[in-house]
């Protein structure tokens, strides 16, 4: 299995930054047999796997039964999860070239938005005291001073210190979308993308033929189901993705209640999947409905209006519809009068 992209992301980006451009870059290209005129940044930042990967080709994966590999005992015992079908994922979403630089930019953008930005120090105008001149201007032989709260004094204010601000920066929507495609493709190429029929532990246990399925979701049952599902994986941290929070058949509230006290497991709906959440966990587990939602989300046209633009567009459409209805009513009134 190929090396985890999340582990190689930071060293690759740091090496790219340290190498810079110019003569060093041209020398490296000559060593690799690539001309600097025909090279591109996409080629240099694409992750190269040790095994062959067919880019943009459909990805065919087995669909496992979540509760099929759990033996009914106390505590539940785990065996290999059986395969109940196969699914084909589109290559334009799950088999694109893995761009390390794009994923790095998206993760930095996410972390910058999460940063609180509440750092604050006091400048000389905010430090208490220092309102009087410590000594006269001339005649003392010492340097002139106007306040004991100047930055060069002990206990004085801080010059050019941090102030509360937002660390968020803009990132093009196409770059964000490409970063998510690269993260999904990395998991698929490394064999760390797993499909299951359902993520609801209660539904999965009932479908597996449990003699006494629990009416309430149990963490121990979900832990045994995940152990059976991830039996062949070297590490067990997992990101569970269902179609929607309210879809109880796919996962829903039962999944979140069972997994909220489970170490190394995160649960997000398909609309909340992001690059950082994918890279920070070893295995990505999807339901077919969640995969379809991701494909629909990533294939939709890029919205260039933003939230305020969408609101204005709805208002314009509503106004046009009202004008059309008014015109029809006026036309009907004219016909009746005639």
C-alpha atoms as a PDB file:
ATOM      1  CA  UNK A   1       0.000   0.000   0.000  1.00  0.00           C
ATOM      2  CA  UNK A   2       1.239   3.460  -0.842  1.00  0.00           C
ATOM      3  CA  UNK A   3       2.478   5.873   1.745  1.00  0.00           C
ATOM      4  CA  UNK A   4      -0.159   7.995   3.378  1.00  0.00           C
ATOM      5  CA  UNK A   5      -0.544  11.326   1.581  1.00  0.00           C
ATOM      6  CA  UNK A   6      -1.344  13.134   4.820  1.00  0.00           C
ATOM      7  CA  UNK A   7       2.056  12.173   6.239  1.00  0.00           C
ATOM      8  CA  UNK A   8       3.966  13.318   3.148  1.00  0.00           C
ATOM      9  CA  UNK A   9       2.056  16.546   2.625  1.00  0.00           C
ATOM     10  CA  UNK A  10       3.986  18.835   4.986  1.00  0.00           C
ATOM     11  CA  UNK A  11       7.521  17.643   4.060  1.00  0.00           C
ATOM     12  CA  UNK A  12       6.763  17.958   0.358  1.00  0.00           C
ATOM     13  CA  UNK A  13       5.455  21.499   0.718  1.00  0.00           C
ATOM     14  CA  UNK A  14       8.355  22.541   2.950  1.00  0.00           C
ATOM     15  CA  UNK A  15      10.860  21.100   0.484  1.00  0.00           C
ATOM     16  CA  UNK A  16       9.146  22.924  -2.378  1.00  0.00           C
ATOM     17  CA  UNK A  17       9.277  26.196  -0.451  1.00  0.00           C
ATOM     18  CA  UNK A  18      12.909  25.721   0.555  1.00  0.00           C
ATOM     19  CA  UNK A  19      13.982  24.875  -2.991  1.00  0.00           C
ATOM     20  CA  UNK A  20      12.499  28.054  -4.458  1.00  0.00           C
ATOM     21  CA  UNK A  21      12.772  28.963  -8.128  1.00  0.00           C
ATOM     22  CA  UNK A  22      15.620  29.912 -10.403  1.00  0.00           C
ATOM     23  CA  UNK A  23      18.853  27.973 -10.912  1.00  0.00           C
ATOM     24  CA  UNK A  24      18.149  25.337  -8.269  1.00  0.00           C
ATOM     25  CA  UNK A  25      14.826  24.484  -9.869  1.00  0.00           C
ATOM     26  CA  UNK A  26      16.356  24.254 -13.354  1.00  0.00           C
ATOM     27  CA  UNK A  27      19.140  22.032 -12.026  1.00  0.00           C
ATOM     28  CA  UNK A  28      16.621  19.642 -10.479  1.00  0.00           C
ATOM     29  CA  UNK A  29      14.656  19.519 -13.718  1.00  0.00           C
ATOM     30  CA  UNK A  30      17.786  18.659 -15.693  1.00  0.00           C
ATOM     31  CA  UNK A  31      18.535  15.835 -13.257  1.00  0.00           C
ATOM     32  CA  UNK A  32      15.039  14.479 -13.802  1.00  0.00           C
ATOM     33  CA  UNK A  33      15.266  14.883 -17.588  1.00  0.00           C
ATOM     34  CA  UNK A  34      12.570  17.541 -17.819  1.00  0.00           C
ATOM     35  CA  UNK A  35      13.019  20.839 -19.616  1.00  0.00           C
ATOM     36  CA  UNK A  36      12.141  23.926 -17.627  1.00  0.00           C
ATOM     37  CA  UNK A  37      10.155  25.403 -20.528  1.00  0.00           C
ATOM     38  CA  UNK A  38       7.774  22.440 -20.782  1.00  0.00           C
ATOM     39  CA  UNK A  39       7.390  21.771 -17.048  1.00  0.00           C
ATOM     40  CA  UNK A  40       4.434  22.852 -14.972  1.00  0.00           C
ATOM     41  CA  UNK A  41       3.744  23.242 -11.280  1.00  0.00           C
ATOM     42  CA  UNK A  42       0.984  20.625 -11.509  1.00  0.00           C
ATOM     43  CA  UNK A  43       3.500  17.984 -12.632  1.00  0.00           C
ATOM     44  CA  UNK A  44       5.947  18.663  -9.813  1.00  0.00           C
ATOM     45  CA  UNK A  45       3.299  18.761  -7.057  1.00  0.00           C
ATOM     46  CA  UNK A  46       1.403  15.630  -8.113  1.00  0.00           C
ATOM     47  CA  UNK A  47       1.928  12.712  -5.761  1.00  0.00           C
ATOM     48  CA  UNK A  48       3.506   9.707  -7.478  1.00  0.00           C
ATOM     49  CA  UNK A  49       2.359   6.323  -6.189  1.00  0.00           C
ATOM     50  CA  UNK A  50       4.528   3.231  -6.266  1.00  0.00           C
ATOM     51  CA  UNK A  51       1.679   1.259  -7.851  1.00  0.00           C
ATOM     52  CA  UNK A  52      -0.116   2.113 -11.120  1.00  0.00           C
ATOM     53  CA  UNK A  53      -3.135   4.396 -10.789  1.00  0.00           C
ATOM     54  CA  UNK A  54      -5.594   5.008 -13.629  1.00  0.00           C
ATOM     55  CA  UNK A  55      -6.570   8.638 -13.372  1.00  0.00           C
ATOM     56  CA  UNK A  56     -10.091   9.689 -14.356  1.00  0.00           C
ATOM     57  CA  UNK A  57     -11.159   6.048 -14.692  1.00  0.00           C
ATOM     58  CA  UNK A  58     -14.169   4.742 -12.738  1.00  0.00           C
ATOM     59  CA  UNK A  59     -13.279   3.334  -9.324  1.00  0.00           C
ATOM     60  CA  UNK A  60     -14.946  -0.016  -8.606  1.00  0.00           C
ATOM     61  CA  UNK A  61     -15.194  -0.893  -4.920  1.00  0.00           C
ATOM     62  CA  UNK A  62     -17.007  -3.605  -2.956  1.00  0.00           C
ATOM     63  CA  UNK A  63     -19.879  -2.631  -0.682  1.00  0.00           C
ATOM     64  CA  UNK A  64     -19.566  -4.238   2.746  1.00  0.00           C
ATOM     65  CA  UNK A  65     -22.267  -5.095   5.247  1.00  0.00           C
ATOM     66  CA  UNK A  66     -21.525  -3.146   8.423  1.00  0.00           C
ATOM     67  CA  UNK A  67     -23.022  -5.654  10.835  1.00  0.00           C
ATOM     68  CA  UNK A  68     -22.324  -8.837   8.880  1.00  0.00           C
ATOM     69  CA  UNK A  69     -18.943  -9.511  10.488  1.00  0.00           C
ATOM     70  CA  UNK A  70     -20.075  -9.291  14.115  1.00  0.00           C
ATOM     71  CA  UNK A  71     -20.699 -12.476  16.066  1.00  0.00           C
ATOM     72  CA  UNK A  72     -23.559 -12.269  18.521  1.00  0.00           C
ATOM     73  CA  UNK A  73     -21.820 -12.551  21.879  1.00  0.00           C
ATOM     74  CA  UNK A  74     -21.168 -10.424  24.925  1.00  0.00           C
ATOM     75  CA  UNK A  75     -19.020  -8.504  24.221  1.00  0.00           C
ATOM     76  CA  UNK A  76     -19.556  -8.731  20.437  1.00  0.00           C
ATOM     77  CA  UNK A  77     -16.755 -10.462  18.525  1.00  0.00           C
ATOM     78  CA  UNK A  78     -15.549  -9.183  15.149  1.00  0.00           C
ATOM     79  CA  UNK A  79     -14.735 -11.100  11.995  1.00  0.00           C
ATOM     80  CA  UNK A  80     -14.264  -9.940   8.397  1.00  0.00           C
ATOM     81  CA  UNK A  81     -17.211  -7.904   7.073  1.00  0.00           C
ATOM     82  CA  UNK A  82     -18.912  -9.675   4.136  1.00  0.00           C
ATOM     83  CA  UNK A  83     -19.362  -8.093   0.711  1.00  0.00           C
ATOM     84  CA  UNK A  84     -22.980  -7.534  -0.325  1.00  0.00           C
ATOM     85  CA  UNK A  85     -22.408  -5.798  -3.678  1.00  0.00           C
ATOM     86  CA  UNK A  86     -20.182  -3.583  -5.758  1.00  0.00           C
ATOM     87  CA  UNK A  87     -20.333   0.106  -6.631  1.00  0.00           C
ATOM     88  CA  UNK A  88     -18.700   2.231  -9.304  1.00  0.00           C
ATOM     89  CA  UNK A  89     -17.511   5.699  -8.349  1.00  0.00           C
ATOM     90  CA  UNK A  90     -16.873   8.304 -11.073  1.00  0.00           C
ATOM     91  CA  UNK A  91     -13.246   8.956 -11.937  1.00  0.00           C
ATOM     92  CA  UNK A  92     -13.636  12.725 -12.218  1.00  0.00           C
ATOM     93  CA  UNK A  93     -14.253  12.839  -8.450  1.00  0.00           C
ATOM     94  CA  UNK A  94     -12.498   9.786  -6.984  1.00  0.00           C
ATOM     95  CA  UNK A  95      -9.580   9.303  -9.403  1.00  0.00           C
ATOM     96  CA  UNK A  96      -8.008  12.689 -10.108  1.00  0.00           C
ATOM     97  CA  UNK A  97      -4.234  13.336  -9.810  1.00  0.00           C
ATOM     98  CA  UNK A  98      -3.390  14.034  -6.168  1.00  0.00           C
ATOM     99  CA  UNK A  99      -2.078  17.596  -5.962  1.00  0.00           C
ATOM    100  CA  UNK A 100      -0.187  18.063  -2.705  1.00  0.00           C
ATOM    101  CA  UNK A 101       0.066  21.826  -3.125  1.00  0.00           C
ATOM    102  CA  UNK A 102      -3.681  22.224  -3.611  1.00  0.00           C
ATOM    103  CA  UNK A 103      -4.515  20.163  -0.517  1.00  0.00           C
ATOM    104  CA  UNK A 104      -1.976  22.161   1.473  1.00  0.00           C
ATOM    105  CA  UNK A 105      -3.600  25.422   0.409  1.00  0.00           C
ATOM    106  CA  UNK A 106      -7.071  24.168   1.318  1.00  0.00           C
ATOM    107  CA  UNK A 107      -5.977  22.909   4.748  1.00  0.00           C
ATOM    108  CA  UNK A 108      -4.246  26.223   5.489  1.00  0.00           C
ATOM    109  CA  UNK A 109      -7.413  28.047   4.427  1.00  0.00           C
ATOM    110  CA  UNK A 110      -9.521  25.890   6.760  1.00  0.00           C
ATOM    111  CA  UNK A 111      -7.162  26.325   9.711  1.00  0.00           C
ATOM    112  CA  UNK A 112      -6.929  30.083   9.137  1.00  0.00           C
ATOM    113  CA  UNK A 113     -10.716  30.379   9.348  1.00  0.00           C
ATOM    114  CA  UNK A 114     -10.724  28.370  12.580  1.00  0.00           C
ATOM    115  CA  UNK A 115      -8.114  30.569  14.243  1.00  0.00           C
ATOM    116  CA  UNK A 116      -9.751  32.771  16.861  1.00  0.00           C
ATOM    117  CA  UNK A 117      -7.561  35.819  16.391  1.00  0.00           C
ATOM    118  CA  UNK A 118      -8.166  37.080  19.959  1.00  0.00           C
ATOM    119  CA  UNK A 119      -4.488  37.917  20.565  1.00  0.00           C
ATOM    120  CA  UNK A 120      -4.016  41.349  22.045  1.00  0.00           C
ATOM    121  CA  UNK A 121      -1.272  43.354  23.797  1.00  0.00           C
ATOM    122  CA  UNK A 122      -1.322  46.886  25.197  1.00  0.00           C
ATOM    123  CA  UNK A 123       0.453  49.709  23.454  1.00  0.00           C
ATOM    124  CA  UNK A 124       1.841  52.755  25.238  1.00  0.00           C
ATOM    125  CA  UNK A 125      -1.523  54.533  25.221  1.00  0.00           C
ATOM    126  CA  UNK A 126      -3.252  51.617  26.975  1.00  0.00           C
ATOM    127  CA  UNK A 127      -0.719  50.902  29.747  1.00  0.00           C
ATOM    128  CA  UNK A 128      -1.603  52.508  33.057  1.00  0.00           C
ATOM    129  CA  UNK A 129       0.657  55.366  34.208  1.00  0.00           C
ATOM    130  CA  UNK A 130       3.409  57.254  32.454  1.00  0.00           C
ATOM    131  CA  UNK A 131       1.534  60.518  32.159  1.00  0.00           C
ATOM    132  CA  UNK A 132       4.393  62.683  33.431  1.00  0.00           C
ATOM    133  CA  UNK A 133       7.778  63.304  31.886  1.00  0.00           C
ATOM    134  CA  UNK A 134      10.337  61.317  33.970  1.00  0.00           C
ATOM    135  CA  UNK A 135      12.942  64.125  33.903  1.00  0.00           C
ATOM    136  CA  UNK A 136      13.544  67.405  32.172  1.00  0.00           C
ATOM    137  CA  UNK A 137      14.491  67.527  28.532  1.00  0.00           C
ATOM    138  CA  UNK A 138      18.013  68.987  28.852  1.00  0.00           C
ATOM    139  CA  UNK A 139      20.810  69.281  31.338  1.00  0.00           C
ATOM    140  CA  UNK A 140      20.768  65.808  32.901  1.00  0.00           C
ATOM    141  CA  UNK A 141      23.192  64.087  30.552  1.00  0.00           C
ATOM    142  CA  UNK A 142      20.682  61.310  30.012  1.00  0.00           C
ATOM    143  CA  UNK A 143      18.645  60.467  26.949  1.00  0.00           C
ATOM    144  CA  UNK A 144      15.476  62.451  26.570  1.00  0.00           C
ATOM    145  CA  UNK A 145      12.327  60.600  27.637  1.00  0.00           C
ATOM    146  CA  UNK A 146       8.712  61.601  27.488  1.00  0.00           C
ATOM    147  CA  UNK A 147       7.022  58.713  29.316  1.00  0.00           C
ATOM    148  CA  UNK A 148       7.912  55.681  31.402  1.00  0.00           C
ATOM    149  CA  UNK A 149       5.410  53.665  29.382  1.00  0.00           C
ATOM    150  CA  UNK A 150       7.276  53.967  26.092  1.00  0.00           C
ATOM    151  CA  UNK A 151       8.161  50.608  24.441  1.00  0.00           C
ATOM    152  CA  UNK A 152      11.832  50.771  25.443  1.00  0.00           C
ATOM    153  CA  UNK A 153      10.955  50.960  29.159  1.00  0.00           C
ATOM    154  CA  UNK A 154      10.426  48.005  31.425  1.00  0.00           C
ATOM    155  CA  UNK A 155       6.686  47.803  32.030  1.00  0.00           C
ATOM    156  CA  UNK A 156       5.993  49.950  29.001  1.00  0.00           C
ATOM    157  CA  UNK A 157       3.698  49.281  26.087  1.00  0.00           C
ATOM    158  CA  UNK A 158       4.400  46.932  23.198  1.00  0.00           C
ATOM    159  CA  UNK A 159       5.233  48.410  19.819  1.00  0.00           C
ATOM    160  CA  UNK A 160       3.564  46.818  16.765  1.00  0.00           C
ATOM    161  CA  UNK A 161       2.083  43.966  18.829  1.00  0.00           C
ATOM    162  CA  UNK A 162      -0.760  41.671  17.793  1.00  0.00           C
ATOM    163  CA  UNK A 163      -4.308  43.001  17.754  1.00  0.00           C
ATOM    164  CA  UNK A 164      -7.610  41.126  17.434  1.00  0.00           C
ATOM    165  CA  UNK A 165      -8.174  40.289  13.786  1.00  0.00           C
ATOM    166  CA  UNK A 166      -9.438  37.603  11.450  1.00  0.00           C
ATOM    167  CA  UNK A 167      -6.817  35.309   9.956  1.00  0.00           C
ATOM    168  CA  UNK A 168      -9.165  34.116   7.216  1.00  0.00           C
ATOM    169  CA  UNK A 169      -8.118  34.610   3.629  1.00  0.00           C
ATOM    170  CA  UNK A 170      -9.873  34.007   0.350  1.00  0.00           C
ATOM    171  CA  UNK A 171      -9.401  30.863  -1.681  1.00  0.00           C
ATOM    172  CA  UNK A 172     -10.979  30.316  -5.114  1.00  0.00           C
ATOM    173  CA  UNK A 173     -13.897  27.920  -5.108  1.00  0.00           C
ATOM    174  CA  UNK A 174     -12.338  25.869  -7.877  1.00  0.00           C
ATOM    175  CA  UNK A 175      -9.256  25.329  -5.725  1.00  0.00           C
ATOM    176  CA  UNK A 176     -11.386  24.229  -2.767  1.00  0.00           C
ATOM    177  CA  UNK A 177     -13.297  21.815  -4.973  1.00  0.00           C
ATOM    178  CA  UNK A 178     -10.097  20.418  -6.489  1.00  0.00           C
ATOM    179  CA  UNK A 179      -8.611  19.943  -3.021  1.00  0.00           C
ATOM    180  CA  UNK A 180     -11.609  17.865  -1.929  1.00  0.00           C
ATOM    181  CA  UNK A 181     -11.377  15.764  -5.093  1.00  0.00           C
ATOM    182  CA  UNK A 182      -7.653  15.192  -4.456  1.00  0.00           C
ATOM    183  CA  UNK A 183      -8.308  14.082  -0.865  1.00  0.00           C
ATOM    184  CA  UNK A 184     -11.016  11.626  -1.971  1.00  0.00           C
ATOM    185  CA  UNK A 185      -8.793  10.339  -4.778  1.00  0.00           C
ATOM    186  CA  UNK A 186      -5.879   9.856  -2.366  1.00  0.00           C
ATOM    187  CA  UNK A 187      -7.977   7.644  -0.099  1.00  0.00           C
ATOM    188  CA  UNK A 188      -9.245   5.650  -3.078  1.00  0.00           C
ATOM    189  CA  UNK A 189      -5.751   5.180  -4.553  1.00  0.00           C
ATOM    190  CA  UNK A 190      -4.326   4.034  -1.206  1.00  0.00           C
ATOM    191  CA  UNK A 191      -7.097   1.523  -0.540  1.00  0.00           C
ATOM    192  CA  UNK A 192      -8.364   3.559   2.413  1.00  0.00           C
ATOM    193  CA  UNK A 193     -11.833   4.218   0.977  1.00  0.00           C
ATOM    194  CA  UNK A 194     -14.465   1.750   2.215  1.00  0.00           C
ATOM    195  CA  UNK A 195     -18.119   1.543   1.169  1.00  0.00           C
ATOM    196  CA  UNK A 196     -20.805   0.142   3.482  1.00  0.00           C
ATOM    197  CA  UNK A 197     -24.492  -0.475   2.933  1.00  0.00           C
ATOM    198  CA  UNK A 198     -25.501   1.536   6.015  1.00  0.00           C
ATOM    199  CA  UNK A 199     -23.837   3.262   8.953  1.00  0.00           C
ATOM    200  CA  UNK A 200     -26.750   2.917  11.335  1.00  0.00           C
ATOM    201  CA  UNK A 201     -25.578   0.320  13.906  1.00  0.00           C
ATOM    202  CA  UNK A 202     -29.128  -0.676  14.833  1.00  0.00           C
ATOM    203  CA  UNK A 203     -30.207  -1.189  11.210  1.00  0.00           C
ATOM    204  CA  UNK A 204     -26.965  -3.013  10.422  1.00  0.00           C
ATOM    205  CA  UNK A 205     -27.380  -5.384  13.385  1.00  0.00           C
ATOM    206  CA  UNK A 206     -30.986  -6.119  12.400  1.00  0.00           C
ATOM    207  CA  UNK A 207     -30.013  -6.744   8.771  1.00  0.00           C
ATOM    208  CA  UNK A 208     -27.272  -9.119   9.911  1.00  0.00           C
ATOM    209  CA  UNK A 209     -29.883 -11.286  11.639  1.00  0.00           C
ATOM    210  CA  UNK A 210     -29.159 -10.428  15.253  1.00  0.00           C
ATOM    211  CA  UNK A 211     -31.273 -12.496  17.597  1.00  0.00           C
ATOM    212  CA  UNK A 212     -31.865  -9.579  19.959  1.00  0.00           C
ATOM    213  CA  UNK A 213     -30.976  -6.310  18.218  1.00  0.00           C
ATOM    214  CA  UNK A 214     -30.706  -3.352  20.574  1.00  0.00           C
ATOM    215  CA  UNK A 215     -33.390  -0.738  20.132  1.00  0.00           C
ATOM    216  CA  UNK A 216     -30.937   1.990  21.162  1.00  0.00           C
ATOM    217  CA  UNK A 217     -27.545   2.526  19.487  1.00  0.00           C
ATOM    218  CA  UNK A 218     -24.650   1.062  21.499  1.00  0.00           C
ATOM    219  CA  UNK A 219     -21.030   2.167  21.307  1.00  0.00           C
ATOM    220  CA  UNK A 220     -19.751  -1.372  21.900  1.00  0.00           C
ATOM    221  CA  UNK A 221     -21.810  -2.672  18.956  1.00  0.00           C
ATOM    222  CA  UNK A 222     -20.510   0.033  16.622  1.00  0.00           C
ATOM    223  CA  UNK A 223     -16.939  -0.567  17.829  1.00  0.00           C
ATOM    224  CA  UNK A 224     -17.248  -4.269  16.966  1.00  0.00           C
ATOM    225  CA  UNK A 225     -18.776  -3.450  13.580  1.00  0.00           C
ATOM    226  CA  UNK A 226     -15.941  -1.051  12.730  1.00  0.00           C
ATOM    227  CA  UNK A 227     -13.330  -3.565  13.922  1.00  0.00           C
ATOM    228  CA  UNK A 228     -14.773  -6.119  11.501  1.00  0.00           C
ATOM    229  CA  UNK A 229     -14.951  -3.559   8.705  1.00  0.00           C
ATOM    230  CA  UNK A 230     -11.348  -2.357   9.180  1.00  0.00           C
ATOM    231  CA  UNK A 231      -9.806  -5.743   9.852  1.00  0.00           C
ATOM    232  CA  UNK A 232      -7.303  -5.422   6.977  1.00  0.00           C
ATOM    233  CA  UNK A 233      -6.306  -1.813   7.645  1.00  0.00           C
ATOM    234  CA  UNK A 234      -2.979  -1.049   9.388  1.00  0.00           C
ATOM    235  CA  UNK A 235      -4.492   1.757  11.464  1.00  0.00           C
ATOM    236  CA  UNK A 236      -7.991   2.244  12.745  1.00  0.00           C
ATOM    237  CA  UNK A 237      -8.832   5.975  12.923  1.00  0.00           C
ATOM    238  CA  UNK A 238     -11.838   6.477  10.706  1.00  0.00           C
ATOM    239  CA  UNK A 239     -14.081   9.168   9.245  1.00  0.00           C
ATOM    240  CA  UNK A 240     -17.705   8.037   8.910  1.00  0.00           C
ATOM    241  CA  UNK A 241     -19.777   9.875   6.297  1.00  0.00           C
ATOM    242  CA  UNK A 242     -23.515   9.411   5.901  1.00  0.00           C
ATOM    243  CA  UNK A 243     -25.912  11.163   3.553  1.00  0.00           C
ATOM    244  CA  UNK A 244     -27.558  13.484   6.082  1.00  0.00           C
ATOM    245  CA  UNK A 245     -27.994  13.937   9.815  1.00  0.00           C
ATOM    246  CA  UNK A 246     -31.707  13.217   9.548  1.00  0.00           C
ATOM    247  CA  UNK A 247     -31.384  10.079   7.410  1.00  0.00           C
ATOM    248  CA  UNK A 248     -31.816   7.340  10.016  1.00  0.00           C
ATOM    249  CA  UNK A 249     -31.645   4.604   7.393  1.00  0.00           C
ATOM    250  CA  UNK A 250     -28.202   5.746   6.304  1.00  0.00           C
ATOM    251  CA  UNK A 251     -26.786   6.710   9.722  1.00  0.00           C
ATOM    252  CA  UNK A 252     -28.508   9.681  11.259  1.00  0.00           C
ATOM    253  CA  UNK A 253     -28.820  10.317  14.958  1.00  0.00           C
ATOM    254  CA  UNK A 254     -28.257   6.667  15.895  1.00  0.00           C
ATOM    255  CA  UNK A 255     -24.791   6.747  14.339  1.00  0.00           C
ATOM    256  CA  UNK A 256     -23.861   9.966  16.099  1.00  0.00           C
ATOM    257  CA  UNK A 257     -25.012   8.746  19.497  1.00  0.00           C
ATOM    258  CA  UNK A 258     -23.091   5.497  19.137  1.00  0.00           C
ATOM    259  CA  UNK A 259     -19.887   7.124  17.849  1.00  0.00           C
ATOM    260  CA  UNK A 260     -19.645  10.241  20.004  1.00  0.00           C
ATOM    261  CA  UNK A 261     -17.682   8.380  22.717  1.00  0.00           C
ATOM    262  CA  UNK A 262     -15.689   6.242  20.280  1.00  0.00           C
ATOM    263  CA  UNK A 263     -11.980   7.216  20.138  1.00  0.00           C
ATOM    264  CA  UNK A 264     -10.480   7.783  16.719  1.00  0.00           C
ATOM    265  CA  UNK A 265     -13.838   8.124  14.944  1.00  0.00           C
ATOM    266  CA  UNK A 266     -15.429  11.238  13.459  1.00  0.00           C
ATOM    267  CA  UNK A 267     -18.906  11.501  11.954  1.00  0.00           C
ATOM    268  CA  UNK A 268     -19.891  14.123   9.374  1.00  0.00           C
ATOM    269  CA  UNK A 269     -22.681  14.337   6.805  1.00  0.00           C
ATOM    270  CA  UNK A 270     -21.849  14.401   3.111  1.00  0.00           C
ATOM    271  CA  UNK A 271     -22.331  18.165   2.914  1.00  0.00           C
ATOM    272  CA  UNK A 272     -19.794  18.671   5.734  1.00  0.00           C
ATOM    273  CA  UNK A 273     -16.938  16.604   4.276  1.00  0.00           C
ATOM    274  CA  UNK A 274     -13.750  18.662   3.970  1.00  0.00           C
ATOM    275  CA  UNK A 275     -10.093  18.112   3.142  1.00  0.00           C
ATOM    276  CA  UNK A 276      -8.757  18.335   6.693  1.00  0.00           C
ATOM    277  CA  UNK A 277     -11.297  15.893   8.128  1.00  0.00           C
ATOM    278  CA  UNK A 278     -10.373  13.375   5.411  1.00  0.00           C
ATOM    279  CA  UNK A 279      -6.594  13.702   5.795  1.00  0.00           C
ATOM    280  CA  UNK A 280      -6.510  13.569   9.588  1.00  0.00           C
ATOM    281  CA  UNK A 281      -8.146  10.116   9.680  1.00  0.00           C
ATOM    282  CA  UNK A 282      -6.649   6.945   8.228  1.00  0.00           C
ATOM    283  CA  UNK A 283      -9.751   5.409   6.634  1.00  0.00           C
ATOM    284  CA  UNK A 284     -12.731   7.042   4.943  1.00  0.00           C
ATOM    285  CA  UNK A 285     -16.007   5.109   5.214  1.00  0.00           C
ATOM    286  CA  UNK A 286     -18.871   6.135   2.938  1.00  0.00           C
ATOM    287  CA  UNK A 287     -22.348   4.903   2.246  1.00  0.00           C
ATOM    288  CA  UNK A 288     -23.515   4.781  -1.400  1.00  0.00           C
ATOM    289  CA  UNK A 289     -25.948   7.614  -0.673  1.00  0.00           C
ATOM    290  CA  UNK A 290     -23.143   9.738   0.769  1.00  0.00           C
ATOM    291  CA  UNK A 291     -20.964   9.016  -2.266  1.00  0.00           C
ATOM    292  CA  UNK A 292     -23.796  10.087  -4.574  1.00  0.00           C
ATOM    293  CA  UNK A 293     -24.236  13.294  -2.550  1.00  0.00           C
ATOM    294  CA  UNK A 294     -20.526  14.054  -2.851  1.00  0.00           C
ATOM    295  CA  UNK A 295     -20.600  13.490  -6.607  1.00  0.00           C
ATOM    296  CA  UNK A 296     -23.619  15.789  -6.967  1.00  0.00           C
ATOM    297  CA  UNK A 297     -21.931  18.417  -4.816  1.00  0.00           C
ATOM    298  CA  UNK A 298     -18.637  18.351  -6.708  1.00  0.00           C
ATOM    299  CA  UNK A 299     -20.224  18.234 -10.156  1.00  0.00           C
ATOM    300  CA  UNK A 300     -22.555  21.172  -9.567  1.00  0.00           C
ATOM    301  CA  UNK A 301     -21.665  24.451 -11.302  1.00  0.00           C
ATOM    302  CA  UNK A 302     -19.450  26.725  -9.246  1.00  0.00           C
ATOM    303  CA  UNK A 303     -21.595  29.355  -7.541  1.00  0.00           C
ATOM    304  CA  UNK A 304     -19.941  32.712  -8.108  1.00  0.00           C
ATOM    305  CA  UNK A 305     -22.582  34.802  -6.350  1.00  0.00           C
ATOM    306  CA  UNK A 306     -22.092  33.874  -2.705  1.00  0.00           C
ATOM    307  CA  UNK A 307     -24.795  33.853  -0.030  1.00  0.00           C
ATOM    308  CA  UNK A 308     -25.853  37.467  -0.564  1.00  0.00           C
ATOM    309  CA  UNK A 309     -25.884  36.949  -4.325  1.00  0.00           C
ATOM    310  CA  UNK A 310     -28.114  33.892  -4.002  1.00  0.00           C
ATOM    311  CA  UNK A 311     -30.518  35.862  -1.808  1.00  0.00           C
ATOM    312  CA  UNK A 312     -30.654  38.664  -4.337  1.00  0.00           C
ATOM    313  CA  UNK A 313     -31.177  36.167  -7.166  1.00  0.00           C
ATOM    314  CA  UNK A 314     -34.145  34.641  -5.302  1.00  0.00           C
ATOM    315  CA  UNK A 315     -35.592  38.107  -4.762  1.00  0.00           C
ATOM    316  CA  UNK A 316     -35.263  38.923  -8.453  1.00  0.00           C
ATOM    317  CA  UNK A 317     -36.933  35.644  -9.443  1.00  0.00           C
ATOM    318  CA  UNK A 318     -39.767  36.243  -6.974  1.00  0.00           C
ATOM    319  CA  UNK A 319     -40.228  39.800  -8.286  1.00  0.00           C
ATOM    320  CA  UNK A 320     -40.329  38.591 -11.885  1.00  0.00           C
ATOM    321  CA  UNK A 321     -42.876  35.914 -10.989  1.00  0.00           C
ATOM    322  CA  UNK A 322     -45.053  38.507  -9.255  1.00  0.00           C
ATOM    323  CA  UNK A 323     -44.815  40.802 -12.268  1.00  0.00           C
ATOM    324  CA  UNK A 324     -45.750  37.930 -14.575  1.00  0.00           C
ATOM    325  CA  UNK A 325     -48.797  37.081 -12.430  1.00  0.00           C
ATOM    326  CA  UNK A 326     -49.854  40.730 -12.369  1.00  0.00           C
ATOM    327  CA  UNK A 327     -49.543  40.939 -16.162  1.00  0.00           C
ATOM    328  CA  UNK A 328     -51.656  37.809 -16.570  1.00  0.00           C
ATOM    329  CA  UNK A 329     -54.348  39.141 -14.243  1.00  0.00           C
ATOM    330  CA  UNK A 330     -54.386  42.448 -16.110  1.00  0.00           C
ATOM    331  CA  UNK A 331     -54.722  40.644 -19.412  1.00  0.00           C
ATOM    332  CA  UNK A 332     -57.597  38.543 -18.088  1.00  0.00           C
ATOM    333  CA  UNK A 333     -59.331  41.695 -16.845  1.00  0.00           C
ATOM    334  CA  UNK A 334     -59.046  43.260 -20.288  1.00  0.00           C
ATOM    335  CA  UNK A 335     -60.520  40.171 -21.911  1.00  0.00           C
ATOM    336  CA  UNK A 336     -63.486  40.184 -19.540  1.00  0.00           C
ATOM    337  CA  UNK A 337     -64.141  43.868 -20.223  1.00  0.00           C
ATOM    338  CA  UNK A 338     -64.023  43.244 -23.965  1.00  0.00           C
END
